[in-house]
PDB file of N, CA and C in Angstrom:
ATOM      1  N   MET A   1     119.147  77.487  46.682  1.00  0.00           N
ATOM      2  CA  MET A   1     118.948  78.478  47.917  1.00  0.00           C
ATOM      3  C   MET A   1     119.409  78.646  48.924  1.00  0.00           C
ATOM      4  N   SER A   2     119.292  77.495  49.482  1.00  0.00           N
ATOM      5  CA  SER A   2     120.245  77.512  51.002  1.00  0.00           C
ATOM      6  C   SER A   2     121.377  78.266  51.505  1.00  0.00           C
ATOM      7  N   SER A   3     122.327  77.962  50.409  1.00  0.00           N
ATOM      8  CA  SER A   3     123.782  78.406  50.349  1.00  0.00           C
ATOM      9  C   SER A   3     123.894  79.649  50.422  1.00  0.00           C
ATOM     10  N   SER A   4     122.565  80.584  49.651  1.00  0.00           N
ATOM     11  CA  SER A   4     123.109  82.011  49.617  1.00  0.00           C
ATOM     12  C   SER A   4     122.380  82.590  51.152  1.00  0.00           C
ATOM     13  N   ILE A   5     122.089  81.571  51.779  1.00  0.00           N
ATOM     14  CA  ILE A   5     121.276  82.101  53.050  1.00  0.00           C
ATOM     15  C   ILE A   5     122.344  81.951  54.883  1.00  0.00           C
ATOM     16  N   SER A   6     122.426  82.905  55.133  1.00  0.00           N
ATOM     17  CA  SER A   6     123.778  83.210  56.763  1.00  0.00           C
ATOM     18  C   SER A   6     122.539  82.678  57.752  1.00  0.00           C
ATOM     19  N   VAL A   7     122.506  81.751  58.234  1.00  0.00           N
ATOM     20  CA  VAL A   7     122.215  81.045  59.400  1.00  0.00           C
ATOM     21  C   VAL A   7     121.916  82.527  60.762  1.00  0.00           C
ATOM     22  N   LYS A   8     122.540  83.672  60.594  1.00  0.00           N
ATOM     23  CA  LYS A   8     122.311  84.417  61.354  1.00  0.00           C
ATOM     24  C   LYS A   8     121.323  85.314  61.380  1.00  0.00           C
ATOM     25  N   SER A   9     120.767  85.154  59.561  1.00  0.00           N
ATOM     26  CA  SER A   9     120.002  85.949  59.194  1.00  0.00           C
ATOM     27  C   SER A   9     118.742  85.424  59.267  1.00  0.00           C
ATOM     28  N   LEU A  10     118.307  83.925  59.777  1.00  0.00           N
ATOM     29  CA  LEU A  10     117.377  83.173  60.161  1.00  0.00           C
ATOM     30  C   LEU A  10     116.849  83.597  61.373  1.00  0.00           C
ATOM     31  N   LEU A  11     115.130  83.868  61.846  1.00  0.00           N
ATOM     32  CA  LEU A  11     114.596  84.676  62.345  1.00  0.00           C
ATOM     33  C   LEU A  11     113.531  84.139  62.249  1.00  0.00           C
ATOM     34  N   PRO A  12     113.231  83.057  63.546  1.00  0.00           N
ATOM     35  CA  PRO A  12     111.677  82.448  63.800  1.00  0.00           C
ATOM     36  C   PRO A  12     110.917  82.720  63.216  1.00  0.00           C
ATOM     37  N   LEU A  13     110.046  82.398  62.986  1.00  0.00           N
ATOM     38  CA  LEU A  13     108.105  83.040  63.202  1.00  0.00           C
ATOM     39  C   LEU A  13     107.824  83.003  64.720  1.00  0.00           C
ATOM     40  N   ALA A  14     106.467  83.425  65.108  1.00  0.00           N
ATOM     41  CA  ALA A  14     106.067  83.509  66.667  1.00  0.00           C
ATOM     42  C   ALA A  14     105.954  81.775  66.393  1.00  0.00           C
ATOM     43  N   GLY A  15     106.287  81.632  68.357  1.00  0.00           N
ATOM     44  CA  GLY A  15     105.915  80.345  67.890  1.00  0.00           C
ATOM     45  C   GLY A  15     107.222  78.962  67.779  1.00  0.00           C
ATOM     46  N   MET A  16     107.788  79.816  67.591  1.00  0.00           N
ATOM     47  CA  MET A  16     109.394  78.810  66.220  1.00  0.00           C
ATOM     48  C   MET A  16     110.562  79.257  67.322  1.00  0.00           C
ATOM     49  N   VAL A  17     111.440  77.436  67.418  1.00  0.00           N
ATOM     50  CA  VAL A  17     112.619  78.071  67.993  1.00  0.00           C
ATOM     51  C   VAL A  17     113.423  77.252  66.615  1.00  0.00           C
ATOM     52  N   LEU A  18     114.891  77.903  66.020  1.00  0.00           N
ATOM     53  CA  LEU A  18     115.787  77.779  65.322  1.00  0.00           C
ATOM     54  C   LEU A  18     117.623  76.911  66.791  1.00  0.00           C
ATOM     55  N   VAL A  19     117.185  75.319  66.086  1.00  0.00           N
ATOM     56  CA  VAL A  19     117.933  74.814  66.695  1.00  0.00           C
ATOM     57  C   VAL A  19     119.137  74.052  66.216  1.00  0.00           C
ATOM     58  N   GLU A  20     120.655  74.495  66.537  1.00  0.00           N
ATOM     59  CA  GLU A  20     120.992  73.549  65.892  1.00  0.00           C
ATOM     60  C   GLU A  20     121.365  72.058  66.265  1.00  0.00           C
ATOM     61  N   PRO A  21     121.319  71.184  65.616  1.00  0.00           N
ATOM     62  CA  PRO A  21     121.566  69.501  66.644  1.00  0.00           C
ATOM     63  C   PRO A  21     123.114  69.269  66.978  1.00  0.00           C
ATOM     64  N   ALA A  22     122.707  68.517  68.263  1.00  0.00           N
ATOM     65  CA  ALA A  22     124.426  68.551  68.394  1.00  0.00           C
ATOM     66  C   ALA A  22     124.674  67.452  67.356  1.00  0.00           C
ATOM     67  N   LYS A  23     126.590  67.218  67.410  1.00  0.00           N
ATOM     68  CA  LYS A  23     127.061  66.552  66.354  1.00  0.00           C
ATOM     69  C   LYS A  23     127.098  65.084  67.235  1.00  0.00           C
ATOM     70  N   GLN A  24     126.964  64.415  65.892  1.00  0.00           N
ATOM     71  CA  GLN A  24     126.895  62.657  66.611  1.00  0.00           C
ATOM     72  C   GLN A  24     128.221  61.985  66.531  1.00  0.00           C
ATOM     73  N   ASP A  25     128.498  61.201  67.256  1.00  0.00           N
ATOM     74  CA  ASP A  25     129.804  60.717  67.638  1.00  0.00           C
ATOM     75  C   ASP A  25     130.371  59.582  66.433  1.00  0.00           C
ATOM     76  N   ARG A  26     130.823  59.137  66.410  1.00  0.00           N
ATOM     77  CA  ARG A  26     131.103  58.638  65.021  1.00  0.00           C
ATOM     78  C   ARG A  26     131.285  57.460  65.477  1.00  0.00           C
ATOM     79  N   LYS A  27     132.193  57.384  67.110  1.00  0.00           N
ATOM     80  CA  LYS A  27     132.312  56.533  67.144  1.00  0.00           C
ATOM     81  C   LYS A  27     131.954  55.924  68.259  1.00  0.00           C
ATOM     82  N   THR A  28     131.722  54.750  69.108  1.00  0.00           N
ATOM     83  CA  THR A  28     130.771  53.845  70.061  1.00  0.00           C
ATOM     84  C   THR A  28     131.944  53.879  71.489  1.00  0.00           C
ATOM     85  N   ALA A  29     131.709  53.843  72.759  1.00  0.00           N
ATOM     86  CA  ALA A  29     132.440  53.702  73.641  1.00  0.00           C
ATOM     87  C   ALA A  29     133.667  53.101  73.569  1.00  0.00           C
ATOM     88  N   SER A  30     133.433  52.094  73.114  1.00  0.00           N
ATOM     89  CA  SER A  30     133.986  50.562  73.050  1.00  0.00           C
ATOM     90  C   SER A  30     135.377  50.821  71.789  1.00  0.00           C
ATOM     91  N   GLY A  31     134.534  51.902  71.022  1.00  0.00           N
ATOM     92  CA  GLY A  31     136.128  52.377  69.862  1.00  0.00           C
ATOM     93  C   GLY A  31     135.633  51.784  68.857  1.00  0.00           C
ATOM     94  N   ILE A  32     134.280  51.773  68.713  1.00  0.00           N
ATOM     95  CA  ILE A  32     134.392  50.840  66.958  1.00  0.00           C
ATOM     96  C   ILE A  32     133.714  52.319  66.511  1.00  0.00           C
ATOM     97  N   TYR A  33     133.797  52.197  64.939  1.00  0.00           N
ATOM     98  CA  TYR A  33     133.331  53.552  64.665  1.00  0.00           C
ATOM     99  C   TYR A  33     131.868  53.281  63.383  1.00  0.00           C
ATOM    100  N   LEU A  34     131.556  54.131  63.171  1.00  0.00           N
ATOM    101  CA  LEU A  34     129.926  54.167  63.212  1.00  0.00           C
ATOM    102  C   LEU A  34     130.009  54.180  61.710  1.00  0.00           C
ATOM    103  N   PRO A  35     129.891  53.436  60.641  1.00  0.00           N
ATOM    104  CA  PRO A  35     129.415  54.554  59.297  1.00  0.00           C
ATOM    105  C   PRO A  35     128.015  55.180  59.334  1.00  0.00           C
ATOM    106  N   ASP A  36     127.934  56.150  58.279  1.00  0.00           N
ATOM    107  CA  ASP A  36     127.426  57.589  58.183  1.00  0.00           C
ATOM    108  C   ASP A  36     125.671  56.228  57.795  1.00  0.00           C
ATOM    109  N   SER A  37     125.243  55.606  57.703  1.00  0.00           N
ATOM    110  CA  SER A  37     124.482  54.531  57.680  1.00  0.00           C
ATOM    111  C   SER A  37     123.414  54.730  59.058  1.00  0.00           C
ATOM    112  N   SER A  38     124.236  54.641  59.521  1.00  0.00           N
ATOM    113  CA  SER A  38     123.400  54.518  61.130  1.00  0.00           C
ATOM    114  C   SER A  38     123.337  54.921  61.835  1.00  0.00           C
ATOM    115  N   ASP A  39     122.769  56.672  61.192  1.00  0.00           N
ATOM    116  CA  ASP A  39     123.360  57.787  61.985  1.00  0.00           C
ATOM    117  C   ASP A  39     121.691  58.241  62.271  1.00  0.00           C
ATOM    118  N   GLU A  40     121.547  57.834  62.959  1.00  0.00           N
ATOM    119  CA  GLU A  40     120.005  58.763  64.221  1.00  0.00           C
ATOM    120  C   GLU A  40     120.050  59.967  64.125  1.00  0.00           C
ATOM    121  N   LYS A  41     119.208  60.903  63.931  1.00  0.00           N
ATOM    122  CA  LYS A  41     119.363  62.061  63.954  1.00  0.00           C
ATOM    123  C   LYS A  41     119.479  62.431  65.768  1.00  0.00           C
ATOM    124  N   PRO A  42     119.784  63.350  66.554  1.00  0.00           N
ATOM    125  CA  PRO A  42     120.295  63.941  67.661  1.00  0.00           C
ATOM    126  C   PRO A  42     118.669  64.705  68.216  1.00  0.00           C
ATOM    127  N   GLN A  43     118.853  64.332  69.286  1.00  0.00           N
ATOM    128  CA  GLN A  43     117.258  65.085  70.074  1.00  0.00           C
ATOM    129  C   GLN A  43     117.915  66.186  70.608  1.00  0.00           C
ATOM    130  N   HIS A  44     119.241  66.164  71.026  1.00  0.00           N
ATOM    131  CA  HIS A  44     119.231  67.512  71.496  1.00  0.00           C
ATOM    132  C   HIS A  44     120.269  68.650  70.602  1.00  0.00           C
ATOM    133  N   GLY A  45     119.927  70.161  71.152  1.00  0.00           N
ATOM    134  CA  GLY A  45     120.730  70.549  70.817  1.00  0.00           C
ATOM    135  C   GLY A  45     120.999  72.070  71.171  1.00  0.00           C
ATOM    136  N   LYS A  46     121.395  73.172  70.396  1.00  0.00           N
ATOM    137  CA  LYS A  46     122.066  74.532  70.618  1.00  0.00           C
ATOM    138  C   LYS A  46     121.031  75.741  70.756  1.00  0.00           C
ATOM    139  N   VAL A  47     119.975  76.334  70.965  1.00  0.00           N
ATOM    140  CA  VAL A  47     119.137  77.561  70.621  1.00  0.00           C
ATOM    141  C   VAL A  47     119.713  78.448  69.792  1.00  0.00           C
ATOM    142  N   LEU A  48     119.681  79.210  68.643  1.00  0.00           N
ATOM    143  CA  LEU A  48     120.202  79.975  68.357  1.00  0.00           C
ATOM    144  C   LEU A  48     119.145  80.891  68.034  1.00  0.00           C
ATOM    145  N   ALA A  49     118.343  80.918  68.079  1.00  0.00           N
ATOM    146  CA  ALA A  49     116.981  81.904  67.598  1.00  0.00           C
ATOM    147  C   ALA A  49     115.900  81.389  67.696  1.00  0.00           C
ATOM    148  N   CYS A  50     115.333  82.637  68.685  1.00  0.00           N
ATOM    149  CA  CYS A  50     113.618  82.220  69.302  1.00  0.00           C
ATOM    150  C   CYS A  50     112.750  83.307  68.672  1.00  0.00           C
ATOM    151  N   GLY A  51     111.346  83.097  68.347  1.00  0.00           N
ATOM    152  CA  GLY A  51     111.024  83.520  67.355  1.00  0.00           C
ATOM    153  C   GLY A  51     110.121  84.319  68.682  1.00  0.00           C
ATOM    154  N   GLU A  52     108.770  85.492  68.032  1.00  0.00           N
ATOM    155  CA  GLU A  52     108.199  85.996  69.134  1.00  0.00           C
ATOM    156  C   GLU A  52     107.152  85.167  69.887  1.00  0.00           C
ATOM    157  N   SER A  53     106.538  85.611  71.327  1.00  0.00           N
ATOM    158  CA  SER A  53     104.577  84.817  71.916  1.00  0.00           C
ATOM    159  C   SER A  53     104.266  84.758  70.669  1.00  0.00           C
ATOM    160  N   ILE A  54     103.467  83.776  70.991  1.00  0.00           N
ATOM    161  CA  ILE A  54     102.142  83.227  70.493  1.00  0.00           C
ATOM    162  C   ILE A  54     101.111  83.437  71.219  1.00  0.00           C
ATOM    163  N   TRP A  55      99.659  83.438  70.620  1.00  0.00           N
ATOM    164  CA  TRP A  55      98.194  83.528  71.502  1.00  0.00           C
ATOM    165  C   TRP A  55      97.940  82.331  71.461  1.00  0.00           C
ATOM    166  N   GLU A  56      97.287  81.508  72.440  1.00  0.00           N
ATOM    167  CA  GLU A  56      96.606  80.157  72.472  1.00  0.00           C
ATOM    168  C   GLU A  56      94.990  80.814  72.872  1.00  0.00           C
ATOM    169  N   SER A  57      94.203  80.758  71.369  1.00  0.00           N
ATOM    170  CA  SER A  57      93.393  81.066  71.788  1.00  0.00           C
ATOM    171  C   SER A  57      92.580  82.674  71.820  1.00  0.00           C
ATOM    172  N   GLY A  58      93.736  83.384  71.391  1.00  0.00           N
ATOM    173  CA  GLY A  58      93.554  84.942  71.508  1.00  0.00           C
ATOM    174  C   GLY A  58      93.324  85.227  72.187  1.00  0.00           C
ATOM    175  N   VAL A  59      93.563  84.657  73.500  1.00  0.00           N
ATOM    176  CA  VAL A  59      93.343  84.791  74.797  1.00  0.00           C
ATOM    177  C   VAL A  59      94.872  84.928  76.025  1.00  0.00           C
ATOM    178  N   LYS A  60      95.263  83.925  76.082  1.00  0.00           N
ATOM    179  CA  LYS A  60      96.849  83.068  76.718  1.00  0.00           C
ATOM    180  C   LYS A  60      98.088  83.445  75.505  1.00  0.00           C
ATOM    181  N   GLU A  61      98.898  84.758  76.295  1.00  0.00           N
ATOM    182  CA  GLU A  61     100.132  84.674  75.662  1.00  0.00           C
ATOM    183  C   GLU A  61     100.803  83.451  76.090  1.00  0.00           C
ATOM    184  N   VAL A  62     102.080  83.062  75.025  1.00  0.00           N
ATOM    185  CA  VAL A  62     102.546  81.999  75.199  1.00  0.00           C
ATOM    186  C   VAL A  62     103.897  82.197  75.229  1.00  0.00           C
ATOM    187  N   LYS A  63     104.854  82.634  76.076  1.00  0.00           N
ATOM    188  CA  LYS A  63     106.026  83.100  75.457  1.00  0.00           C
ATOM    189  C   LYS A  63     107.305  81.647  75.012  1.00  0.00           C
ATOM    190  N   CYS A  64     108.118  82.077  74.555  1.00  0.00           N
ATOM    191  CA  CYS A  64     109.297  81.128  74.159  1.00  0.00           C
ATOM    192  C   CYS A  64     109.713  80.665  75.219  1.00  0.00           C
ATOM    193  N   PRO A  65     110.066  79.383  75.906  1.00  0.00           N
ATOM    194  CA  PRO A  65     109.969  78.494  76.876  1.00  0.00           C
ATOM    195  C   PRO A  65     112.064  78.741  76.988  1.00  0.00           C
ATOM    196  N   VAL A  66     112.691  78.970  76.131  1.00  0.00           N
ATOM    197  CA  VAL A  66     114.176  79.043  75.958  1.00  0.00           C
ATOM    198  C   VAL A  66     114.528  80.421  75.869  1.00  0.00           C
ATOM    199  N   LYS A  67     115.929  80.697  75.601  1.00  0.00           N
ATOM    200  CA  LYS A  67     116.540  81.634  75.051  1.00  0.00           C
ATOM    201  C   LYS A  67     117.933  81.252  74.565  1.00  0.00           C
ATOM    202  N   LYS A  68     118.190  82.085  73.425  1.00  0.00           N
ATOM    203  CA  LYS A  68     119.522  82.155  72.991  1.00  0.00           C
ATOM    204  C   LYS A  68     120.633  81.467  73.684  1.00  0.00           C
ATOM    205  N   GLY A  69     121.356  79.830  73.706  1.00  0.00           N
ATOM    206  CA  GLY A  69     122.383  79.779  73.784  1.00  0.00           C
ATOM    207  C   GLY A  69     122.502  78.494  74.727  1.00  0.00           C
ATOM    208  N   ASP A  70     120.759  78.479  74.687  1.00  0.00           N
ATOM    209  CA  ASP A  70     120.467  77.433  75.899  1.00  0.00           C
ATOM    210  C   ASP A  70     120.470  75.929  75.249  1.00  0.00           C
ATOM    211  N   GLN A  71     120.418  74.665  75.897  1.00  0.00           N
ATOM    212  CA  GLN A  71     121.219  73.362  75.212  1.00  0.00           C
ATOM    213  C   GLN A  71     119.620  72.288  75.577  1.00  0.00           C
ATOM    214  N   VAL A  72     118.724  72.406  74.503  1.00  0.00           N
ATOM    215  CA  VAL A  72     118.071  72.038  74.366  1.00  0.00           C
ATOM    216  C   VAL A  72     117.778  69.947  74.397  1.00  0.00           C
ATOM    217  N   ILE A  73     116.806  69.669  75.015  1.00  0.00           N
ATOM    218  CA  ILE A  73     116.200  67.950  74.374  1.00  0.00           C
ATOM    219  C   ILE A  73     114.851  68.329  73.769  1.00  0.00           C
ATOM    220  N   TYR A  74     115.021  68.135  72.377  1.00  0.00           N
ATOM    221  CA  TYR A  74     113.410  67.858  71.682  1.00  0.00           C
ATOM    222  C   TYR A  74     112.396  66.512  71.095  1.00  0.00           C
ATOM    223  N   LYS A  75     111.727  66.263  70.769  1.00  0.00           N
ATOM    224  CA  LYS A  75     111.307  65.293  70.496  1.00  0.00           C
ATOM    225  C   LYS A  75     111.541  64.865  69.684  1.00  0.00           C
ATOM    226  N   LYS A  76     111.461  63.265  69.414  1.00  0.00           N
ATOM    227  CA  LYS A  76     112.249  62.807  68.221  1.00  0.00           C
ATOM    228  C   LYS A  76     111.921  62.927  66.710  1.00  0.00           C
ATOM    229  N   TRP A  77     110.617  63.381  66.727  1.00  0.00           N
ATOM    230  CA  TRP A  77     109.779  63.540  65.606  1.00  0.00           C
ATOM    231  C   TRP A  77     109.161  64.993  65.205  1.00  0.00           C
ATOM    232  N   GLY A  78     109.932  65.548  65.927  1.00  0.00           N
ATOM    233  CA  GLY A  78     109.470  67.572  66.580  1.00  0.00           C
ATOM    234  C   GLY A  78     110.205  67.729  65.085  1.00  0.00           C
ATOM    235  N   GLY A  79     109.882  69.355  64.639  1.00  0.00           N
ATOM    236  CA  GLY A  79     110.609  70.239  64.219  1.00  0.00           C
ATOM    237  C   GLY A  79     110.558  70.023  62.461  1.00  0.00           C
ATOM    238  N   ASN A  80     111.588  71.216  61.831  1.00  0.00           N
ATOM    239  CA  ASN A  80     111.300  70.577  60.492  1.00  0.00           C
ATOM    240  C   ASN A  80     113.424  71.034  59.669  1.00  0.00           C
ATOM    241  N   ASP A  81     113.473  70.035  59.459  1.00  0.00           N
ATOM    242  CA  ASP A  81     114.819  70.556  58.575  1.00  0.00           C
ATOM    243  C   ASP A  81     115.046  71.490  57.549  1.00  0.00           C
ATOM    244  N   PHE A  82     115.619  71.916  57.781  1.00  0.00           N
ATOM    245  CA  PHE A  82     116.188  73.091  57.093  1.00  0.00           C
ATOM    246  C   PHE A  82     117.917  73.581  57.074  1.00  0.00           C
ATOM    247  N   LYS A  83     118.657  72.619  56.039  1.00  0.00           N
ATOM    248  CA  LYS A  83     119.934  73.234  55.543  1.00  0.00           C
ATOM    249  C   LYS A  83     120.678  74.470  55.377  1.00  0.00           C
ATOM    250  N   VAL A  84     122.073  74.771  55.706  1.00  0.00           N
ATOM    251  CA  VAL A  84     122.544  75.685  55.000  1.00  0.00           C
ATOM    252  C   VAL A  84     124.074  74.964  55.246  1.00  0.00           C
ATOM    253  N   ASP A  85     124.585  75.240  53.820  1.00  0.00           N
ATOM    254  CA  ASP A  85     125.418  74.813  53.504  1.00  0.00           C
ATOM    255  C   ASP A  85     125.692  72.780  54.466  1.00  0.00           C
ATOM    256  N   ASP A  86     126.697  72.988  55.070  1.00  0.00           N
ATOM    257  CA  ASP A  86     127.076  71.753  55.016  1.00  0.00           C
ATOM    258  C   ASP A  86     126.184  71.080  56.094  1.00  0.00           C
ATOM    259  N   THR A  87     125.267  72.334  57.091  1.00  0.00           N
ATOM    260  CA  THR A  87     124.851  72.008  58.575  1.00  0.00           C
ATOM    261  C   THR A  87     123.012  72.086  58.444  1.00  0.00           C
ATOM    262  N   GLU A  88     122.519  70.906  59.096  1.00  0.00           N
ATOM    263  CA  GLU A  88     121.486  70.559  59.041  1.00  0.00           C
ATOM    264  C   GLU A  88     120.779  71.101  60.533  1.00  0.00           C
ATOM    265  N   TYR A  89     119.893  72.217  60.325  1.00  0.00           N
ATOM    266  CA  TYR A  89     119.421  72.638  61.300  1.00  0.00           C
ATOM    267  C   TYR A  89     118.061  72.790  61.448  1.00  0.00           C
ATOM    268  N   GLN A  90     117.397  72.880  63.060  1.00  0.00           N
ATOM    269  CA  GLN A  90     115.404  72.515  62.904  1.00  0.00           C
ATOM    270  C   GLN A  90     115.172  73.500  63.530  1.00  0.00           C
ATOM    271  N   PHE A  91     113.887  74.169  63.041  1.00  0.00           N
ATOM    272  CA  PHE A  91     112.972  74.610  63.230  1.00  0.00           C
ATOM    273  C   PHE A  91     111.736  74.152  64.157  1.00  0.00           C
ATOM    274  N   LEU A  92     111.681  74.410  65.510  1.00  0.00           N
ATOM    275  CA  LEU A  92     110.846  73.812  66.235  1.00  0.00           C
ATOM    276  C   LEU A  92     109.602  74.919  66.736  1.00  0.00           C
ATOM    277  N   LYS A  93     108.470  73.605  67.265  1.00  0.00           N
ATOM    278  CA  LYS A  93     107.403  74.791  67.621  1.00  0.00           C
ATOM    279  C   LYS A  93     108.037  74.711  68.813  1.00  0.00           C
ATOM    280  N   PHE A  94     106.986  75.309  69.589  1.00  0.00           N
ATOM    281  CA  PHE A  94     107.817  75.922  71.619  1.00  0.00           C
ATOM    282  C   PHE A  94     107.399  74.416  72.350  1.00  0.00           C
ATOM    283  N   GLU A  95     106.156  73.701  71.862  1.00  0.00           N
ATOM    284  CA  GLU A  95     105.908  72.849  72.909  1.00  0.00           C
ATOM    285  C   GLU A  95     107.112  71.355  72.047  1.00  0.00           C
ATOM    286  N   ASP A  96     107.809  71.563  70.988  1.00  0.00           N
ATOM    287  CA  ASP A  96     108.364  70.538  70.843  1.00  0.00           C
ATOM    288  C   ASP A  96     109.286  70.326  71.390  1.00  0.00           C
ATOM    289  N   ILE A  97     109.629  71.301  72.461  1.00  0.00           N
ATOM    290  CA  ILE A  97     111.117  71.549  73.612  1.00  0.00           C
ATOM    291  C   ILE A  97     110.652  70.508  74.577  1.00  0.00           C
ATOM    292  N   LEU A  98     111.567  70.065  74.920  1.00  0.00           N
ATOM    293  CA  LEU A  98     111.192  68.587  76.159  1.00  0.00           C
ATOM    294  C   LEU A  98     111.451  69.427  77.176  1.00  0.00           C
ATOM    295  N   ALA A  99     112.840  69.980  77.450  1.00  0.00           N
ATOM    296  CA  ALA A  99     113.981  70.230  78.710  1.00  0.00           C
ATOM    297  C   ALA A  99     114.669  71.098  78.415  1.00  0.00           C
ATOM    298  N   VAL A 100     115.374  71.540  78.811  1.00  0.00           N
ATOM    299  CA  VAL A 100     116.456  71.934  79.387  1.00  0.00           C
ATOM    300  C   VAL A 100     117.440  71.951  79.850  1.00  0.00           C
ATOM    301  N   ILE A 101     118.810  71.767  79.194  1.00  0.00           N
ATOM    302  CA  ILE A 101     120.069  71.013  79.908  1.00  0.00           C
ATOM    303  C   ILE A 101     120.717  71.646  81.151  1.00  0.00           C
ATOM    304  N   LYS A 102     120.917  71.522  82.114  1.00  0.00           N
ATOM    305  CA  LYS A 102     121.717  72.468  82.958  1.00  0.00           C
ATOM    306  C   LYS A 102     122.773  72.254  82.640  1.00  0.00           C
ATOM    307  N   SER A 103     124.180  73.491  82.672  1.00  0.00           N
ATOM    308  CA  SER A 103     125.194  72.838  82.909  1.00  0.00           C
ATOM    309  C   SER A 103     126.145  73.307  84.156  1.00  0.00           C
TER     310      SER A 103
END
């Protein structure tokens, strides 16, 4: 199913953010190449789309804390994976985003 879906057509629901995780380095600083089995998922990436605001307890509006194009750090075990073609994306809740990386 995901092969017929375009990432540009994905719009996160309220309270969610779509992130493209950063690419992992396959080589260490000392020049050693790492096998695929040693991969640990990155905890940072680029925001591709933001969902609408959510309402806490029906009283307080919580707006998306980031915008499209932001580089963010997110919780290690947060989010849900979604694969399109050969790229894996993350759907994260607003509260799973820990920081924005300033350039």
